[in-house]
Amino acid sequence: MATESERIEGAVASGSVKVLLFQPSCKKLWVVIGKDSEYWTDPDLGFCSCKDYYFNTLSKGDPCYHLKSVARAMEEGRAEAVEFSDDEYAQVLQAIADDSEGTLLR
């Protein structure tokens, strides 16, 4: 089984960490493509939509590996950027919310 450090490096190296850029507003959403789902993260708030966030991060204070992967990608400038129009913002948010709901209910 891979260590957390190896998982983080694997997520960054494989391009699983993505920043969704909306133009012309320059809004950003950070997602990590996991094996089962896309996980929305907010590095400024220390939030992730994964189960580990709810069960461990909130109680123990240690960020999940998705948040750590986003932090590493940001530090190293290795996040894959995907551009959208501002007109697509609500649709993308809805898709992320739908995906997150399905993940949390599994």
N, C-alpha and C. Protein backbone atom coordinates (compact mmCIF):
# COMPACT_ATOMS: atom_id res chain seq x y z
N MET A 1 0.84 -1.18 0.00
CA MET A 1 0.00 0.00 0.00
C MET A 1 0.88 1.25 0.00
N ALA A 2 0.52 2.22 -0.80
CA ALA A 2 1.31 3.44 -0.94
C ALA A 2 1.20 4.30 0.31
N THR A 3 2.30 4.97 0.62
CA THR A 3 2.28 5.91 1.73
C THR A 3 1.50 7.16 1.32
N GLU A 4 1.14 7.97 2.29
CA GLU A 4 0.41 9.19 1.97
C GLU A 4 1.24 10.08 1.06
N SER A 5 2.51 10.19 1.31
CA SER A 5 3.40 11.00 0.48
C SER A 5 3.42 10.50 -0.97
N GLU A 6 3.44 9.19 -1.14
CA GLU A 6 3.41 8.61 -2.48
C GLU A 6 2.06 8.87 -3.16
N ARG A 7 0.98 8.80 -2.41
CA ARG A 7 -0.35 9.09 -2.97
C ARG A 7 -0.43 10.54 -3.42
N ILE A 8 0.09 11.45 -2.60
CA ILE A 8 0.09 12.87 -2.94
C ILE A 8 0.89 13.10 -4.21
N GLU A 9 2.09 12.57 -4.26
CA GLU A 9 2.94 12.75 -5.44
C GLU A 9 2.28 12.11 -6.66
N GLY A 10 1.65 10.96 -6.47
CA GLY A 10 0.97 10.31 -7.58
C GLY A 10 -0.17 11.15 -8.13
N ALA A 11 -0.95 11.76 -7.24
CA ALA A 11 -2.06 12.61 -7.68
C ALA A 11 -1.54 13.81 -8.46
N VAL A 12 -0.47 14.42 -7.97
CA VAL A 12 0.08 15.60 -8.65
C VAL A 12 0.71 15.20 -9.98
N ALA A 13 1.53 14.15 -9.96
CA ALA A 13 2.25 13.73 -11.17
C ALA A 13 1.31 13.23 -12.27
N SER A 14 0.19 12.63 -11.89
CA SER A 14 -0.73 12.06 -12.89
C SER A 14 -1.67 13.11 -13.49
N GLY A 15 -1.64 14.32 -12.96
CA GLY A 15 -2.55 15.35 -13.46
C GLY A 15 -3.93 15.28 -12.84
N SER A 16 -4.05 14.58 -11.72
CA SER A 16 -5.34 14.47 -11.05
C SER A 16 -5.77 15.74 -10.34
N VAL A 17 -4.81 16.62 -10.05
CA VAL A 17 -5.13 17.89 -9.41
C VAL A 17 -5.41 18.90 -10.51
N LYS A 18 -6.61 19.44 -10.49
CA LYS A 18 -7.01 20.37 -11.54
C LYS A 18 -7.53 21.66 -10.93
N VAL A 19 -7.22 22.75 -11.59
CA VAL A 19 -7.80 24.03 -11.22
C VAL A 19 -8.73 24.43 -12.37
N LEU A 20 -9.99 24.62 -12.03
CA LEU A 20 -10.98 25.02 -13.02
C LEU A 20 -11.03 26.54 -13.02
N LEU A 21 -10.64 27.14 -14.13
CA LEU A 21 -10.57 28.59 -14.25
C LEU A 21 -11.74 29.10 -15.06
N PHE A 22 -12.45 30.04 -14.51
CA PHE A 22 -13.60 30.62 -15.18
C PHE A 22 -13.25 32.02 -15.67
N GLN A 23 -13.53 32.25 -16.95
CA GLN A 23 -13.17 33.53 -17.58
C GLN A 23 -14.41 34.27 -18.02
N PRO A 24 -14.47 35.55 -17.89
CA PRO A 24 -13.38 36.46 -17.56
C PRO A 24 -13.23 36.78 -16.07
N SER A 25 -14.04 36.17 -15.18
CA SER A 25 -14.02 36.54 -13.77
C SER A 25 -12.76 36.10 -13.02
N CYS A 26 -12.06 35.09 -13.55
CA CYS A 26 -10.88 34.49 -12.91
C CYS A 26 -11.22 33.71 -11.64
N LYS A 27 -12.49 33.29 -11.50
CA LYS A 27 -12.87 32.42 -10.38
C LYS A 27 -12.13 31.10 -10.56
N LYS A 28 -11.80 30.47 -9.43
CA LYS A 28 -11.10 29.19 -9.47
C LYS A 28 -11.81 28.18 -8.58
N LEU A 29 -11.90 26.97 -9.08
CA LEU A 29 -12.33 25.81 -8.29
C LEU A 29 -11.23 24.77 -8.40
N TRP A 30 -10.90 24.15 -7.28
CA TRP A 30 -9.87 23.12 -7.26
C TRP A 30 -10.53 21.77 -7.10
N VAL A 31 -10.18 20.81 -7.94
CA VAL A 31 -10.70 19.45 -7.82
C VAL A 31 -9.56 18.46 -7.91
N VAL A 32 -9.77 17.33 -7.28
CA VAL A 32 -8.83 16.20 -7.39
C VAL A 32 -9.64 15.03 -7.91
N ILE A 33 -9.17 14.46 -9.00
CA ILE A 33 -9.84 13.31 -9.59
C ILE A 33 -9.35 12.07 -8.85
N GLY A 34 -10.26 11.45 -8.11
CA GLY A 34 -9.91 10.25 -7.36
C GLY A 34 -10.31 9.01 -8.12
N LYS A 35 -10.13 7.86 -7.49
CA LYS A 35 -10.46 6.61 -8.17
C LYS A 35 -11.96 6.41 -8.29
N ASP A 36 -12.73 7.00 -7.37
CA ASP A 36 -14.18 6.82 -7.40
C ASP A 36 -14.95 8.07 -7.77
N SER A 37 -14.34 9.23 -7.65
CA SER A 37 -15.08 10.46 -7.79
C SER A 37 -14.15 11.64 -7.99
N GLU A 38 -14.76 12.80 -8.28
CA GLU A 38 -14.02 14.05 -8.26
C GLU A 38 -14.29 14.68 -6.90
N TYR A 39 -13.25 15.18 -6.28
CA TYR A 39 -13.38 15.80 -4.97
C TYR A 39 -13.11 17.29 -5.09
N TRP A 40 -14.09 18.08 -4.68
CA TRP A 40 -13.94 19.52 -4.69
C TRP A 40 -13.20 19.92 -3.42
N THR A 41 -12.21 20.78 -3.57
CA THR A 41 -11.48 21.28 -2.42
C THR A 41 -11.49 22.80 -2.44
N ASP A 42 -11.38 23.37 -1.28
CA ASP A 42 -11.18 24.81 -1.15
C ASP A 42 -9.97 24.98 -0.25
N PRO A 43 -8.80 25.17 -0.85
CA PRO A 43 -7.58 25.25 -0.04
C PRO A 43 -7.59 26.43 0.93
N ASP A 44 -8.26 27.51 0.58
CA ASP A 44 -8.32 28.66 1.48
C ASP A 44 -9.12 28.35 2.74
N LEU A 45 -10.16 27.55 2.61
CA LEU A 45 -11.00 27.18 3.75
C LEU A 45 -10.58 25.86 4.39
N GLY A 46 -9.68 25.13 3.73
CA GLY A 46 -9.28 23.82 4.23
C GLY A 46 -10.38 22.80 4.12
N PHE A 47 -11.20 22.89 3.06
CA PHE A 47 -12.35 22.01 2.87
C PHE A 47 -12.12 21.04 1.72
N CYS A 48 -12.66 19.83 1.88
CA CYS A 48 -12.68 18.83 0.81
C CYS A 48 -14.01 18.10 0.89
N SER A 49 -14.52 17.68 -0.24
CA SER A 49 -15.80 16.98 -0.28
C SER A 49 -15.69 15.47 -0.04
N CYS A 50 -14.50 14.97 0.27
CA CYS A 50 -14.34 13.52 0.49
C CYS A 50 -14.82 13.11 1.88
N LYS A 51 -15.06 11.81 2.03
CA LYS A 51 -15.51 11.28 3.32
C LYS A 51 -14.45 11.47 4.40
N ASP A 52 -13.18 11.33 4.04
CA ASP A 52 -12.10 11.48 5.02
C ASP A 52 -12.14 12.85 5.68
N TYR A 53 -12.51 13.87 4.91
CA TYR A 53 -12.62 15.22 5.47
C TYR A 53 -13.64 15.21 6.61
N TYR A 54 -14.79 14.62 6.38
CA TYR A 54 -15.85 14.62 7.38
C TYR A 54 -15.53 13.75 8.59
N PHE A 55 -14.86 12.63 8.36
CA PHE A 55 -14.62 11.69 9.44
C PHE A 55 -13.29 11.88 10.15
N ASN A 56 -12.30 12.48 9.49
CA ASN A 56 -10.99 12.63 10.13
C ASN A 56 -10.51 14.08 10.21
N THR A 57 -10.61 14.81 9.12
CA THR A 57 -10.08 16.17 9.12
C THR A 57 -10.79 17.03 10.14
N LEU A 58 -12.12 16.97 10.18
CA LEU A 58 -12.86 17.79 11.13
C LEU A 58 -12.58 17.41 12.57
N SER A 59 -12.40 16.11 12.84
CA SER A 59 -12.18 15.68 14.22
C SER A 59 -10.72 15.73 14.65
N LYS A 60 -9.80 15.45 13.74
CA LYS A 60 -8.37 15.40 14.10
C LYS A 60 -7.58 16.60 13.61
N GLY A 61 -8.14 17.34 12.66
CA GLY A 61 -7.47 18.54 12.18
C GLY A 61 -6.39 18.31 11.14
N ASP A 62 -6.18 17.06 10.72
CA ASP A 62 -5.16 16.78 9.72
C ASP A 62 -5.82 16.77 8.34
N PRO A 63 -5.36 17.62 7.43
CA PRO A 63 -5.98 17.67 6.10
C PRO A 63 -5.92 16.32 5.39
N CYS A 64 -6.95 16.03 4.62
CA CYS A 64 -6.97 14.81 3.82
C CYS A 64 -5.91 14.89 2.72
N TYR A 65 -5.67 13.77 2.09
CA TYR A 65 -4.63 13.76 1.07
C TYR A 65 -5.02 14.58 -0.16
N HIS A 66 -6.31 14.79 -0.40
CA HIS A 66 -6.72 15.64 -1.52
C HIS A 66 -6.27 17.08 -1.28
N LEU A 67 -6.51 17.58 -0.07
CA LEU A 67 -6.07 18.95 0.26
C LEU A 67 -4.55 19.06 0.21
N LYS A 68 -3.87 18.04 0.69
CA LYS A 68 -2.40 18.05 0.64
C LYS A 68 -1.90 17.99 -0.80
N SER A 69 -2.62 17.26 -1.65
CA SER A 69 -2.24 17.18 -3.07
C SER A 69 -2.42 18.53 -3.75
N VAL A 70 -3.53 19.22 -3.44
CA VAL A 70 -3.75 20.55 -4.01
C VAL A 70 -2.66 21.51 -3.54
N ALA A 71 -2.34 21.46 -2.25
CA ALA A 71 -1.29 22.33 -1.72
C ALA A 71 0.04 22.09 -2.43
N ARG A 72 0.38 20.82 -2.63
CA ARG A 72 1.65 20.49 -3.32
C ARG A 72 1.62 21.00 -4.75
N ALA A 73 0.51 20.75 -5.45
CA ALA A 73 0.40 21.19 -6.85
C ALA A 73 0.48 22.70 -6.95
N MET A 74 -0.12 23.41 -6.00
CA MET A 74 -0.06 24.87 -6.00
C MET A 74 1.38 25.34 -5.77
N GLU A 75 2.05 24.76 -4.78
CA GLU A 75 3.43 25.13 -4.46
C GLU A 75 4.36 24.92 -5.64
N GLU A 76 4.15 23.82 -6.36
CA GLU A 76 5.05 23.44 -7.44
C GLU A 76 4.54 23.88 -8.81
N GLY A 77 3.39 24.54 -8.85
CA GLY A 77 2.84 24.98 -10.13
C GLY A 77 2.53 23.83 -11.07
N ARG A 78 2.03 22.73 -10.50
CA ARG A 78 1.81 21.52 -11.29
C ARG A 78 0.34 21.13 -11.44
N ALA A 79 -0.57 22.03 -11.13
CA ALA A 79 -1.99 21.72 -11.32
C ALA A 79 -2.34 21.87 -12.79
N GLU A 80 -3.16 21.00 -13.27
CA GLU A 80 -3.62 21.09 -14.65
C GLU A 80 -4.79 22.08 -14.70
N ALA A 81 -4.66 23.10 -15.53
CA ALA A 81 -5.70 24.13 -15.65
C ALA A 81 -6.70 23.74 -16.73
N VAL A 82 -7.96 23.89 -16.39
CA VAL A 82 -9.04 23.64 -17.34
C VAL A 82 -9.88 24.91 -17.36
N GLU A 83 -10.02 25.51 -18.53
CA GLU A 83 -10.73 26.78 -18.62
C GLU A 83 -12.18 26.61 -19.03
N PHE A 84 -13.02 27.43 -18.41
CA PHE A 84 -14.44 27.48 -18.70
C PHE A 84 -14.86 28.94 -18.83
N SER A 85 -15.99 29.13 -19.41
CA SER A 85 -16.59 30.46 -19.47
C SER A 85 -17.37 30.68 -18.18
N ASP A 86 -17.50 31.92 -17.76
CA ASP A 86 -18.31 32.23 -16.58
C ASP A 86 -19.74 31.72 -16.74
N ASP A 87 -20.21 31.64 -17.97
CA ASP A 87 -21.57 31.15 -18.22
C ASP A 87 -21.73 29.69 -17.80
N GLU A 88 -20.64 28.96 -17.68
CA GLU A 88 -20.68 27.54 -17.31
C GLU A 88 -20.53 27.30 -15.81
N TYR A 89 -20.30 28.36 -15.04
CA TYR A 89 -20.01 28.24 -13.61
C TYR A 89 -21.09 27.45 -12.86
N ALA A 90 -22.34 27.86 -12.99
CA ALA A 90 -23.43 27.20 -12.26
C ALA A 90 -23.54 25.72 -12.66
N GLN A 91 -23.38 25.43 -13.93
CA GLN A 91 -23.47 24.05 -14.42
C GLN A 91 -22.34 23.20 -13.84
N VAL A 92 -21.13 23.74 -13.79
CA VAL A 92 -20.00 23.00 -13.23
C VAL A 92 -20.20 22.78 -11.74
N LEU A 93 -20.65 23.80 -11.01
CA LEU A 93 -20.92 23.65 -9.58
C LEU A 93 -21.98 22.58 -9.34
N GLN A 94 -23.02 22.56 -10.15
CA GLN A 94 -24.07 21.57 -9.99
C GLN A 94 -23.52 20.16 -10.23
N ALA A 95 -22.69 20.00 -11.23
CA ALA A 95 -22.10 18.69 -11.52
C ALA A 95 -21.22 18.22 -10.36
N ILE A 96 -20.45 19.14 -9.79
CA ILE A 96 -19.60 18.80 -8.64
C ILE A 96 -20.47 18.43 -7.44
N ALA A 97 -21.52 19.20 -7.19
CA ALA A 97 -22.42 18.92 -6.07
C ALA A 97 -23.10 17.56 -6.24
N ASP A 98 -23.55 17.26 -7.45
CA ASP A 98 -24.19 15.97 -7.71
C ASP A 98 -23.22 14.82 -7.48
N ASP A 99 -21.98 14.98 -7.94
CA ASP A 99 -20.96 13.96 -7.77
C ASP A 99 -20.63 13.77 -6.29
N SER A 100 -20.51 14.87 -5.56
CA SER A 100 -20.20 14.81 -4.14
C SER A 100 -21.32 14.13 -3.36
N GLU A 101 -22.55 14.44 -3.70
CA GLU A 101 -23.68 13.82 -3.01
C GLU A 101 -23.66 12.31 -3.20
N GLY A 102 -23.39 11.88 -4.42
CA GLY A 102 -23.32 10.44 -4.68
C GLY A 102 -22.20 9.77 -3.91
N THR A 103 -21.08 10.45 -3.79
CA THR A 103 -19.93 9.90 -3.06
C THR A 103 -20.24 9.77 -1.57
N LEU A 104 -20.84 10.79 -1.00
CA LEU A 104 -21.12 10.78 0.43
C LEU A 104 -22.19 9.77 0.80
N LEU A 105 -23.06 9.44 -0.12
CA LEU A 105 -24.14 8.49 0.17
C LEU A 105 -23.74 7.04 -0.06
N ARG A 106 -22.55 6.80 -0.62
CA ARG A 106 -22.10 5.42 -0.87
C ARG A 106 -21.73 4.75 0.42
